[in-house]
Amino acid sequence: MTGPPTPPLTTETEILDAARSSNPPQSIPMATDPEPPTAAAEQPTEPQHTEPPSSAEAEPQGTSYDKLLPTLADLAAQGQYRELTLAAEQGDAVAGNDHHVTRLYVVAPLVLAYLILDDIAAARHALMRLPDVLGRLPVSVSLFGVLSAVYSRQHEAVYARAEDLMNLCHQPLANSKLGVVLAGLTTAFVEEFRQKTFALLGKAYTSISLPLAQRYLGLSTDQILTATTSNGWTYDAATQVLTPPRSATRARVVITDPSTLSTLSSVVDSISRA
């Protein structure tokens, strides 16, 4: 049997009490409580795998001048200077980007190879075709100095400027192999220049003073005496005069005054062109 019907809610208090009994209170998170994890956060994130950069992206591709340097280095090491000039000339002609600093990787060995071959005009042409931005670099300036001394037959200056170039080669360069190549070519040039000068002195003079020979050859007293005696020269210690073997002469003069170095240069030039 059912009881009497429940009277309707009439007051605001009764309505609120009924709402509380039908909807249990829910906890409200405090500002300091951590936010509940979302569905996306509950799933573990997979580690991102990034592809390592390719070698082409990690390191810039070298220029054609840079790529030719190992070939020139091999030719220089083998003493194939004529072949070096041919390879360098071809590489310089087709490479393009002639204002890039790596162009010196080809032109600098080319100039020294021409100097070893005593082709001064070709060495000068190779240097003169460099743009100003490359011609002002220390290596170019040093090569110009050596070339100028060779052209004017200033023997003492040749050795001094070659030594300056050698010191420059031993400094840190953009390409370490370039320094090794230039140092080797500079050494070969000095040796070749000295040998040619020594041969010309033997052909030109009946005798020459030791101090003057030192200026021509850029060697110490002991080094000159070793070189001359091994090639059949005689030395008079009392007068400090060196005498070449008779068979070596073709045109003979006797000049022992160091002040006449320019005169000796003209004599050597005339003999070398004969």
C-alpha atoms as a PDB file:
ATOM      1  CA  MET A   1       0.000   0.000   0.000  1.00  0.00           C
ATOM      2  CA  THR A   2       1.483   3.269  -1.005  1.00  0.00           C
ATOM      3  CA  GLY A   3       1.699   6.165   1.317  1.00  0.00           C
ATOM      4  CA  PRO A   4       0.551   9.573   0.625  1.00  0.00           C
ATOM      5  CA  PRO A   5       2.324  11.360  -2.215  1.00  0.00           C
ATOM      6  CA  THR A   6       5.422  13.370  -1.387  1.00  0.00           C
ATOM      7  CA  PRO A   7       4.574  16.979  -1.272  1.00  0.00           C
ATOM      8  CA  PRO A   8       6.378  19.079  -3.869  1.00  0.00           C
ATOM      9  CA  LEU A   9       9.502  21.006  -2.955  1.00  0.00           C
ATOM     10  CA  THR A  10       8.499  24.474  -2.193  1.00  0.00           C
ATOM     11  CA  THR A  11      11.406  26.260  -0.554  1.00  0.00           C
ATOM     12  CA  GLU A  12      14.890  27.066  -1.967  1.00  0.00           C
ATOM     13  CA  THR A  13      16.518  25.196   0.926  1.00  0.00           C
ATOM     14  CA  GLU A  14      14.645  22.040   0.125  1.00  0.00           C
ATOM     15  CA  ILE A  15      15.606  22.271  -3.549  1.00  0.00           C
ATOM     16  CA  LEU A  16      19.329  22.649  -2.715  1.00  0.00           C
ATOM     17  CA  ASP A  17      19.217  19.730  -0.260  1.00  0.00           C
ATOM     18  CA  ALA A  18      17.687  17.520  -2.902  1.00  0.00           C
ATOM     19  CA  ALA A  19      20.350  18.480  -5.435  1.00  0.00           C
ATOM     20  CA  ARG A  20      23.171  17.600  -2.994  1.00  0.00           C
ATOM     21  CA  SER A  21      21.719  14.189  -2.241  1.00  0.00           C
ATOM     22  CA  SER A  22      21.324  13.279  -5.930  1.00  0.00           C
ATOM     23  CA  ASN A  23      24.825  14.550  -7.122  1.00  0.00           C
ATOM     24  CA  PRO A  24      27.660  13.591  -4.768  1.00  0.00           C
ATOM     25  CA  PRO A  25      30.359  16.231  -4.470  1.00  0.00           C
ATOM     26  CA  GLN A  26      33.369  15.922  -6.788  1.00  0.00           C
ATOM     27  CA  SER A  27      36.885  16.911  -5.790  1.00  0.00           C
ATOM     28  CA  ILE A  28      38.169  19.991  -7.515  1.00  0.00           C
ATOM     29  CA  PRO A  29      41.921  19.868  -8.193  1.00  0.00           C
ATOM     30  CA  MET A  30      43.956  22.533  -6.490  1.00  0.00           C
ATOM     31  CA  ALA A  31      46.191  24.843  -8.427  1.00  0.00           C
ATOM     32  CA  THR A  32      49.215  23.057  -6.979  1.00  0.00           C
ATOM     33  CA  ASP A  33      48.029  19.571  -7.944  1.00  0.00           C
ATOM     34  CA  PRO A  34      49.501  18.165 -11.168  1.00  0.00           C
ATOM     35  CA  GLU A  35      47.223  18.156 -14.150  1.00  0.00           C
ATOM     36  CA  PRO A  36      45.734  14.723 -14.827  1.00  0.00           C
ATOM     37  CA  PRO A  37      47.529  13.043 -17.716  1.00  0.00           C
ATOM     38  CA  THR A  38      45.831  13.322 -21.024  1.00  0.00           C
ATOM     39  CA  ALA A  39      45.326  10.400 -23.323  1.00  0.00           C
ATOM     40  CA  ALA A  40      48.125  11.586 -25.565  1.00  0.00           C
ATOM     41  CA  ALA A  41      50.516  11.949 -22.641  1.00  0.00           C
ATOM     42  CA  GLU A  42      49.753   8.464 -21.315  1.00  0.00           C
ATOM     43  CA  GLN A  43      51.208   6.892 -24.446  1.00  0.00           C
ATOM     44  CA  PRO A  44      55.019   6.755 -24.436  1.00  0.00           C
ATOM     45  CA  THR A  45      56.548   8.959 -27.060  1.00  0.00           C
ATOM     46  CA  GLU A  46      58.740   7.232 -29.574  1.00  0.00           C
ATOM     47  CA  PRO A  47      62.279   8.580 -29.854  1.00  0.00           C
ATOM     48  CA  GLN A  48      62.805  10.689 -32.929  1.00  0.00           C
ATOM     49  CA  HIS A  49      65.467   9.356 -35.213  1.00  0.00           C
ATOM     50  CA  THR A  50      67.168  12.000 -37.326  1.00  0.00           C
ATOM     51  CA  GLU A  51      69.150  10.887 -40.290  1.00  0.00           C
ATOM     52  CA  PRO A  52      72.808  11.869 -40.014  1.00  0.00           C
ATOM     53  CA  PRO A  53      73.820  14.414 -42.630  1.00  0.00           C
ATOM     54  CA  SER A  54      75.400  12.940 -45.659  1.00  0.00           C
ATOM     55  CA  SER A  55      79.042  13.606 -46.353  1.00  0.00           C
ATOM     56  CA  ALA A  56      78.026  16.106 -48.991  1.00  0.00           C
ATOM     57  CA  GLU A  57      76.002  18.043 -46.381  1.00  0.00           C
ATOM     58  CA  ALA A  58      78.504  17.677 -43.533  1.00  0.00           C
ATOM     59  CA  GLU A  59      81.449  18.994 -45.537  1.00  0.00           C
ATOM     60  CA  PRO A  60      81.283  21.301 -48.526  1.00  0.00           C
ATOM     61  CA  GLN A  61      82.452  19.812 -51.749  1.00  0.00           C
ATOM     62  CA  GLY A  62      85.949  20.947 -52.677  1.00  0.00           C
ATOM     63  CA  THR A  63      86.546  23.060 -55.725  1.00  0.00           C
ATOM     64  CA  SER A  64      88.139  21.639 -58.829  1.00  0.00           C
ATOM     65  CA  TYR A  65      91.381  23.362 -57.789  1.00  0.00           C
ATOM     66  CA  ASP A  66      91.276  21.579 -54.452  1.00  0.00           C
ATOM     67  CA  LYS A  67      90.647  18.236 -56.133  1.00  0.00           C
ATOM     68  CA  LEU A  68      93.608  18.728 -58.484  1.00  0.00           C
ATOM     69  CA  LEU A  69      96.111  19.395 -55.693  1.00  0.00           C
ATOM     70  CA  PRO A  70      96.793  15.690 -54.870  1.00  0.00           C
ATOM     71  CA  THR A  71      97.690  15.054 -58.514  1.00  0.00           C
ATOM     72  CA  LEU A  72     100.075  17.999 -58.543  1.00  0.00           C
ATOM     73  CA  ALA A  73     101.559  16.815 -55.249  1.00  0.00           C
ATOM     74  CA  ASP A  74     102.286  13.377 -56.707  1.00  0.00           C
ATOM     75  CA  LEU A  75     103.926  14.862 -59.807  1.00  0.00           C
ATOM     76  CA  ALA A  76     106.039  17.186 -57.670  1.00  0.00           C
ATOM     77  CA  ALA A  77     107.154  14.323 -55.429  1.00  0.00           C
ATOM     78  CA  GLN A  78     108.252  12.376 -58.507  1.00  0.00           C
ATOM     79  CA  GLY A  79     110.137  15.337 -59.949  1.00  0.00           C
ATOM     80  CA  GLN A  80     107.889  15.416 -63.016  1.00  0.00           C
ATOM     81  CA  TYR A  81     107.817  19.193 -63.271  1.00  0.00           C
ATOM     82  CA  ARG A  82     106.967  19.405 -66.959  1.00  0.00           C
ATOM     83  CA  GLU A  83     103.994  17.107 -66.428  1.00  0.00           C
ATOM     84  CA  LEU A  84     103.012  19.198 -63.416  1.00  0.00           C
ATOM     85  CA  THR A  85     102.872  22.363 -65.513  1.00  0.00           C
ATOM     86  CA  LEU A  86     100.718  20.644 -68.130  1.00  0.00           C
ATOM     87  CA  ALA A  87      98.255  19.324 -65.543  1.00  0.00           C
ATOM     88  CA  ALA A  88      98.127  22.652 -63.707  1.00  0.00           C
ATOM     89  CA  GLU A  89      97.643  24.693 -66.880  1.00  0.00           C
ATOM     90  CA  GLN A  90      94.804  22.455 -67.997  1.00  0.00           C
ATOM     91  CA  GLY A  91      93.188  22.511 -64.574  1.00  0.00           C
ATOM     92  CA  ASP A  92      93.447  26.279 -64.296  1.00  0.00           C
ATOM     93  CA  ALA A  93      91.957  26.757 -67.751  1.00  0.00           C
ATOM     94  CA  VAL A  94      88.830  24.644 -67.255  1.00  0.00           C
ATOM     95  CA  ALA A  95      88.134  25.046 -63.536  1.00  0.00           C
ATOM     96  CA  GLY A  96      86.178  28.290 -63.549  1.00  0.00           C
ATOM     97  CA  ASN A  97      85.512  30.336 -60.398  1.00  0.00           C
ATOM     98  CA  ASP A  98      88.884  31.976 -60.931  1.00  0.00           C
ATOM     99  CA  HIS A  99      88.470  34.348 -57.957  1.00  0.00           C
ATOM    100  CA  HIS A 100      88.271  31.508 -55.420  1.00  0.00           C
ATOM    101  CA  VAL A 101      91.198  31.314 -53.012  1.00  0.00           C
ATOM    102  CA  THR A 102      91.743  27.628 -53.809  1.00  0.00           C
ATOM    103  CA  ARG A 103      92.955  28.670 -57.248  1.00  0.00           C
ATOM    104  CA  LEU A 104      96.325  29.201 -55.580  1.00  0.00           C
ATOM    105  CA  TYR A 105      96.414  25.433 -54.947  1.00  0.00           C
ATOM    106  CA  VAL A 106      97.081  25.148 -58.680  1.00  0.00           C
ATOM    107  CA  VAL A 107      98.791  28.408 -59.625  1.00  0.00           C
ATOM    108  CA  ALA A 108     101.385  28.446 -56.824  1.00  0.00           C
ATOM    109  CA  PRO A 109     102.780  24.976 -57.676  1.00  0.00           C
ATOM    110  CA  LEU A 110     102.601  25.941 -61.351  1.00  0.00           C
ATOM    111  CA  VAL A 111     104.770  29.030 -60.840  1.00  0.00           C
ATOM    112  CA  LEU A 112     107.394  27.134 -58.855  1.00  0.00           C
ATOM    113  CA  ALA A 113     107.481  24.326 -61.419  1.00  0.00           C
ATOM    114  CA  TYR A 114     108.102  26.877 -64.164  1.00  0.00           C
ATOM    115  CA  LEU A 115     110.910  28.423 -62.104  1.00  0.00           C
ATOM    116  CA  ILE A 116     112.491  24.994 -61.640  1.00  0.00           C
ATOM    117  CA  LEU A 117     112.349  24.570 -65.422  1.00  0.00           C
ATOM    118  CA  ASP A 118     113.863  28.070 -65.793  1.00  0.00           C
ATOM    119  CA  ASP A 119     110.836  29.247 -67.774  1.00  0.00           C
ATOM    120  CA  ILE A 120     110.607  32.705 -66.260  1.00  0.00           C
ATOM    121  CA  ALA A 121     108.201  34.109 -68.839  1.00  0.00           C
ATOM    122  CA  ALA A 122     105.673  31.328 -68.238  1.00  0.00           C
ATOM    123  CA  ALA A 123     105.991  31.724 -64.460  1.00  0.00           C
ATOM    124  CA  ARG A 124     105.353  35.449 -64.765  1.00  0.00           C
ATOM    125  CA  HIS A 125     102.345  34.879 -67.028  1.00  0.00           C
ATOM    126  CA  ALA A 126     100.827  32.427 -64.545  1.00  0.00           C
ATOM    127  CA  LEU A 127     101.113  34.951 -61.720  1.00  0.00           C
ATOM    128  CA  MET A 128      99.974  37.958 -63.717  1.00  0.00           C
ATOM    129  CA  ARG A 129      96.694  36.345 -64.726  1.00  0.00           C
ATOM    130  CA  LEU A 130      95.600  36.063 -61.095  1.00  0.00           C
ATOM    131  CA  PRO A 131      92.896  38.562 -60.103  1.00  0.00           C
ATOM    132  CA  ASP A 132      93.907  41.309 -57.692  1.00  0.00           C
ATOM    133  CA  VAL A 133      92.082  39.672 -54.783  1.00  0.00           C
ATOM    134  CA  LEU A 134      94.390  36.646 -55.087  1.00  0.00           C
ATOM    135  CA  GLY A 135      97.484  38.556 -56.152  1.00  0.00           C
ATOM    136  CA  ARG A 136      97.513  40.396 -52.820  1.00  0.00           C
ATOM    137  CA  LEU A 137      97.620  37.219 -50.728  1.00  0.00           C
ATOM    138  CA  PRO A 138     100.903  36.453 -48.893  1.00  0.00           C
ATOM    139  CA  VAL A 139     101.732  33.396 -51.009  1.00  0.00           C
ATOM    140  CA  SER A 140     101.274  35.355 -54.231  1.00  0.00           C
ATOM    141  CA  VAL A 141     103.323  38.293 -52.962  1.00  0.00           C
ATOM    142  CA  SER A 142     106.125  35.950 -51.906  1.00  0.00           C
ATOM    143  CA  LEU A 143     106.125  34.238 -55.303  1.00  0.00           C
ATOM    144  CA  PHE A 144     106.284  37.622 -57.024  1.00  0.00           C
ATOM    145  CA  GLY A 145     109.343  38.440 -54.922  1.00  0.00           C
ATOM    146  CA  VAL A 146     111.146  35.246 -55.901  1.00  0.00           C
ATOM    147  CA  LEU A 147     110.248  35.714 -59.558  1.00  0.00           C
ATOM    148  CA  SER A 148     111.456  39.315 -59.567  1.00  0.00           C
ATOM    149  CA  ALA A 149     114.801  38.331 -58.045  1.00  0.00           C
ATOM    150  CA  VAL A 150     115.280  35.527 -60.573  1.00  0.00           C
ATOM    151  CA  TYR A 151     114.376  37.797 -63.478  1.00  0.00           C
ATOM    152  CA  SER A 152     116.901  40.443 -62.425  1.00  0.00           C
ATOM    153  CA  ARG A 153     119.549  37.810 -61.519  1.00  0.00           C
ATOM    154  CA  GLN A 154     119.829  39.103 -57.969  1.00  0.00           C
ATOM    155  CA  HIS A 155     121.226  35.883 -56.604  1.00  0.00           C
ATOM    156  CA  GLU A 156     121.367  36.900 -52.961  1.00  0.00           C
ATOM    157  CA  ALA A 157     117.770  38.107 -53.145  1.00  0.00           C
ATOM    158  CA  VAL A 158     116.698  34.837 -54.766  1.00  0.00           C
ATOM    159  CA  TYR A 159     117.900  32.816 -51.784  1.00  0.00           C
ATOM    160  CA  ALA A 160     116.528  35.290 -49.239  1.00  0.00           C
ATOM    161  CA  ARG A 161     113.076  35.455 -50.823  1.00  0.00           C
ATOM    162  CA  ALA A 162     112.959  31.708 -51.306  1.00  0.00           C
ATOM    163  CA  GLU A 163     113.640  31.366 -47.595  1.00  0.00           C
ATOM    164  CA  ASP A 164     110.779  33.765 -46.870  1.00  0.00           C
ATOM    165  CA  LEU A 165     108.508  31.617 -49.007  1.00  0.00           C
ATOM    166  CA  MET A 166     109.688  28.510 -47.185  1.00  0.00           C
ATOM    167  CA  ASN A 167     108.868  30.115 -43.834  1.00  0.00           C
ATOM    168  CA  LEU A 168     105.416  30.971 -45.150  1.00  0.00           C
ATOM    169  CA  CYS A 169     104.883  27.344 -46.162  1.00  0.00           C
ATOM    170  CA  HIS A 170     105.556  26.253 -42.588  1.00  0.00           C
ATOM    171  CA  GLN A 171     102.793  28.471 -41.231  1.00  0.00           C
ATOM    172  CA  PRO A 172      99.239  27.129 -40.879  1.00  0.00           C
ATOM    173  CA  LEU A 173      97.541  27.281 -44.277  1.00  0.00           C
ATOM    174  CA  ALA A 174      93.959  26.584 -45.287  1.00  0.00           C
ATOM    175  CA  ASN A 175      95.182  23.316 -46.790  1.00  0.00           C
ATOM    176  CA  SER A 176      98.056  21.662 -44.951  1.00  0.00           C
ATOM    177  CA  LYS A 177      99.016  19.661 -48.027  1.00  0.00           C
ATOM    178  CA  LEU A 178      99.540  22.873 -49.968  1.00  0.00           C
ATOM    179  CA  GLY A 179     102.268  23.929 -47.549  1.00  0.00           C
ATOM    180  CA  VAL A 180     104.036  20.587 -47.966  1.00  0.00           C
ATOM    181  CA  VAL A 181     103.862  20.792 -51.768  1.00  0.00           C
ATOM    182  CA  LEU A 182     105.110  24.382 -51.919  1.00  0.00           C
ATOM    183  CA  ALA A 183     107.922  23.680 -49.459  1.00  0.00           C
ATOM    184  CA  GLY A 184     109.130  20.758 -51.551  1.00  0.00           C
ATOM    185  CA  LEU A 185     108.935  22.740 -54.782  1.00  0.00           C
ATOM    186  CA  THR A 186     110.745  25.694 -53.213  1.00  0.00           C
ATOM    187  CA  THR A 187     113.568  23.432 -52.059  1.00  0.00           C
ATOM    188  CA  ALA A 188     113.803  21.878 -55.526  1.00  0.00           C
ATOM    189  CA  PHE A 189     113.870  25.319 -57.139  1.00  0.00           C
ATOM    190  CA  VAL A 190     116.681  26.603 -54.911  1.00  0.00           C
ATOM    191  CA  GLU A 191     118.759  23.496 -55.552  1.00  0.00           C
ATOM    192  CA  GLU A 192     118.216  23.743 -59.317  1.00  0.00           C
ATOM    193  CA  PHE A 193     118.966  27.469 -59.370  1.00  0.00           C
ATOM    194  CA  ARG A 194     122.140  26.931 -57.361  1.00  0.00           C
ATOM    195  CA  GLN A 195     123.302  24.062 -59.589  1.00  0.00           C
ATOM    196  CA  LYS A 196     122.798  26.105 -62.750  1.00  0.00           C
ATOM    197  CA  THR A 197     124.604  29.080 -61.247  1.00  0.00           C
ATOM    198  CA  PHE A 198     127.485  26.881 -60.143  1.00  0.00           C
ATOM    199  CA  ALA A 199     127.803  25.380 -63.629  1.00  0.00           C
ATOM    200  CA  LEU A 200     127.787  28.835 -65.235  1.00  0.00           C
ATOM    201  CA  LEU A 201     130.466  30.098 -62.860  1.00  0.00           C
ATOM    202  CA  GLY A 202     132.680  27.182 -63.836  1.00  0.00           C
ATOM    203  CA  LYS A 203     132.253  28.006 -67.522  1.00  0.00           C
ATOM    204  CA  ALA A 204     132.672  31.751 -67.191  1.00  0.00           C
ATOM    205  CA  TYR A 205     135.639  32.316 -64.878  1.00  0.00           C
ATOM    206  CA  THR A 206     139.219  31.218 -64.489  1.00  0.00           C
ATOM    207  CA  SER A 207     138.949  32.035 -60.788  1.00  0.00           C
ATOM    208  CA  ILE A 208     136.546  33.615 -58.353  1.00  0.00           C
ATOM    209  CA  SER A 209     136.919  34.804 -54.790  1.00  0.00           C
ATOM    210  CA  LEU A 210     135.322  32.803 -52.022  1.00  0.00           C
ATOM    211  CA  PRO A 211     133.179  35.719 -50.717  1.00  0.00           C
ATOM    212  CA  LEU A 212     131.828  36.350 -54.209  1.00  0.00           C
ATOM    213  CA  ALA A 213     131.068  32.672 -54.717  1.00  0.00           C
ATOM    214  CA  GLN A 214     129.130  32.731 -51.452  1.00  0.00           C
ATOM    215  CA  ARG A 215     126.995  35.574 -52.757  1.00  0.00           C
ATOM    216  CA  TYR A 216     126.291  33.704 -55.965  1.00  0.00           C
ATOM    217  CA  LEU A 217     125.546  30.354 -54.378  1.00  0.00           C
ATOM    218  CA  GLY A 218     124.043  31.333 -51.038  1.00  0.00           C
ATOM    219  CA  LEU A 219     126.148  28.796 -49.144  1.00  0.00           C
ATOM    220  CA  SER A 220     128.453  28.868 -46.155  1.00  0.00           C
ATOM    221  CA  THR A 221     132.222  28.585 -46.577  1.00  0.00           C
ATOM    222  CA  ASP A 222     132.267  24.904 -45.657  1.00  0.00           C
ATOM    223  CA  GLN A 223     129.389  24.126 -48.002  1.00  0.00           C
ATOM    224  CA  ILE A 224     131.061  25.900 -50.914  1.00  0.00           C
ATOM    225  CA  LEU A 225     134.390  24.183 -50.331  1.00  0.00           C
ATOM    226  CA  THR A 226     132.662  20.814 -50.190  1.00  0.00           C
ATOM    227  CA  ALA A 227     130.731  21.501 -53.391  1.00  0.00           C
ATOM    228  CA  THR A 228     133.658  22.921 -55.334  1.00  0.00           C
ATOM    229  CA  THR A 229     136.203  20.275 -54.381  1.00  0.00           C
ATOM    230  CA  SER A 230     133.744  17.491 -55.206  1.00  0.00           C
ATOM    231  CA  ASN A 231     133.407  19.017 -58.679  1.00  0.00           C
ATOM    232  CA  GLY A 232     137.121  19.338 -59.346  1.00  0.00           C
ATOM    233  CA  TRP A 233     137.667  22.926 -58.224  1.00  0.00           C
ATOM    234  CA  THR A 234     140.770  23.939 -56.296  1.00  0.00           C
ATOM    235  CA  TYR A 235     140.972  26.400 -53.440  1.00  0.00           C
ATOM    236  CA  ASP A 236     143.856  28.636 -52.406  1.00  0.00           C
ATOM    237  CA  ALA A 237     143.361  29.362 -48.723  1.00  0.00           C
ATOM    238  CA  ALA A 238     146.001  32.125 -48.728  1.00  0.00           C
ATOM    239  CA  THR A 239     144.185  34.194 -51.353  1.00  0.00           C
ATOM    240  CA  GLN A 240     140.691  32.730 -50.768  1.00  0.00           C
ATOM    241  CA  VAL A 241     140.354  32.100 -54.495  1.00  0.00           C
ATOM    242  CA  LEU A 242     138.510  29.212 -56.114  1.00  0.00           C
ATOM    243  CA  THR A 243     139.594  27.868 -59.488  1.00  0.00           C
ATOM    244  CA  PRO A 244     137.356  25.643 -61.633  1.00  0.00           C
ATOM    245  CA  PRO A 245     138.772  22.730 -63.632  1.00  0.00           C
ATOM    246  CA  ARG A 246     140.058  23.697 -67.082  1.00  0.00           C
ATOM    247  CA  SER A 247     137.655  21.376 -68.885  1.00  0.00           C
ATOM    248  CA  ALA A 248     134.662  23.286 -67.533  1.00  0.00           C
ATOM    249  CA  THR A 249     135.551  26.611 -69.118  1.00  0.00           C
ATOM    250  CA  ARG A 250     134.439  28.052 -72.397  1.00  0.00           C
ATOM    251  CA  ALA A 251     134.809  31.804 -71.979  1.00  0.00           C
ATOM    252  CA  ARG A 252     137.077  32.940 -69.161  1.00  0.00           C
ATOM    253  CA  VAL A 253     137.369  36.099 -67.087  1.00  0.00           C
ATOM    254  CA  VAL A 254     139.090  36.733 -63.783  1.00  0.00           C
ATOM    255  CA  ILE A 255     136.992  38.854 -61.427  1.00  0.00           C
ATOM    256  CA  THR A 256     137.410  38.642 -57.691  1.00  0.00           C
ATOM    257  CA  ASP A 257     136.173  42.053 -56.520  1.00  0.00           C
ATOM    258  CA  PRO A 258     132.797  41.631 -54.790  1.00  0.00           C
ATOM    259  CA  SER A 259     131.797  45.125 -55.932  1.00  0.00           C
ATOM    260  CA  THR A 260     131.526  43.896 -59.512  1.00  0.00           C
ATOM    261  CA  LEU A 261     128.620  41.557 -58.881  1.00  0.00           C
ATOM    262  CA  SER A 262     126.490  43.279 -61.532  1.00  0.00           C
ATOM    263  CA  THR A 263     129.274  42.817 -64.072  1.00  0.00           C
ATOM    264  CA  LEU A 264     129.474  39.152 -63.171  1.00  0.00           C
ATOM    265  CA  SER A 265     125.739  38.830 -63.626  1.00  0.00           C
ATOM    266  CA  SER A 266     125.991  40.136 -67.169  1.00  0.00           C
ATOM    267  CA  VAL A 267     128.801  37.693 -67.915  1.00  0.00           C
ATOM    268  CA  VAL A 268     126.815  34.784 -66.519  1.00  0.00           C
ATOM    269  CA  ASP A 269     123.804  35.874 -68.549  1.00  0.00           C
ATOM    270  CA  SER A 270     125.823  35.999 -71.748  1.00  0.00           C
ATOM    271  CA  ILE A 271     127.260  32.544 -71.099  1.00  0.00           C
ATOM    272  CA  SER A 272     123.846  31.086 -70.264  1.00  0.00           C
ATOM    273  CA  ARG A 273     122.397  32.389 -73.534  1.00  0.00           C
ATOM    274  CA  ALA A 274     125.320  31.195 -75.652  1.00  0.00           C
END
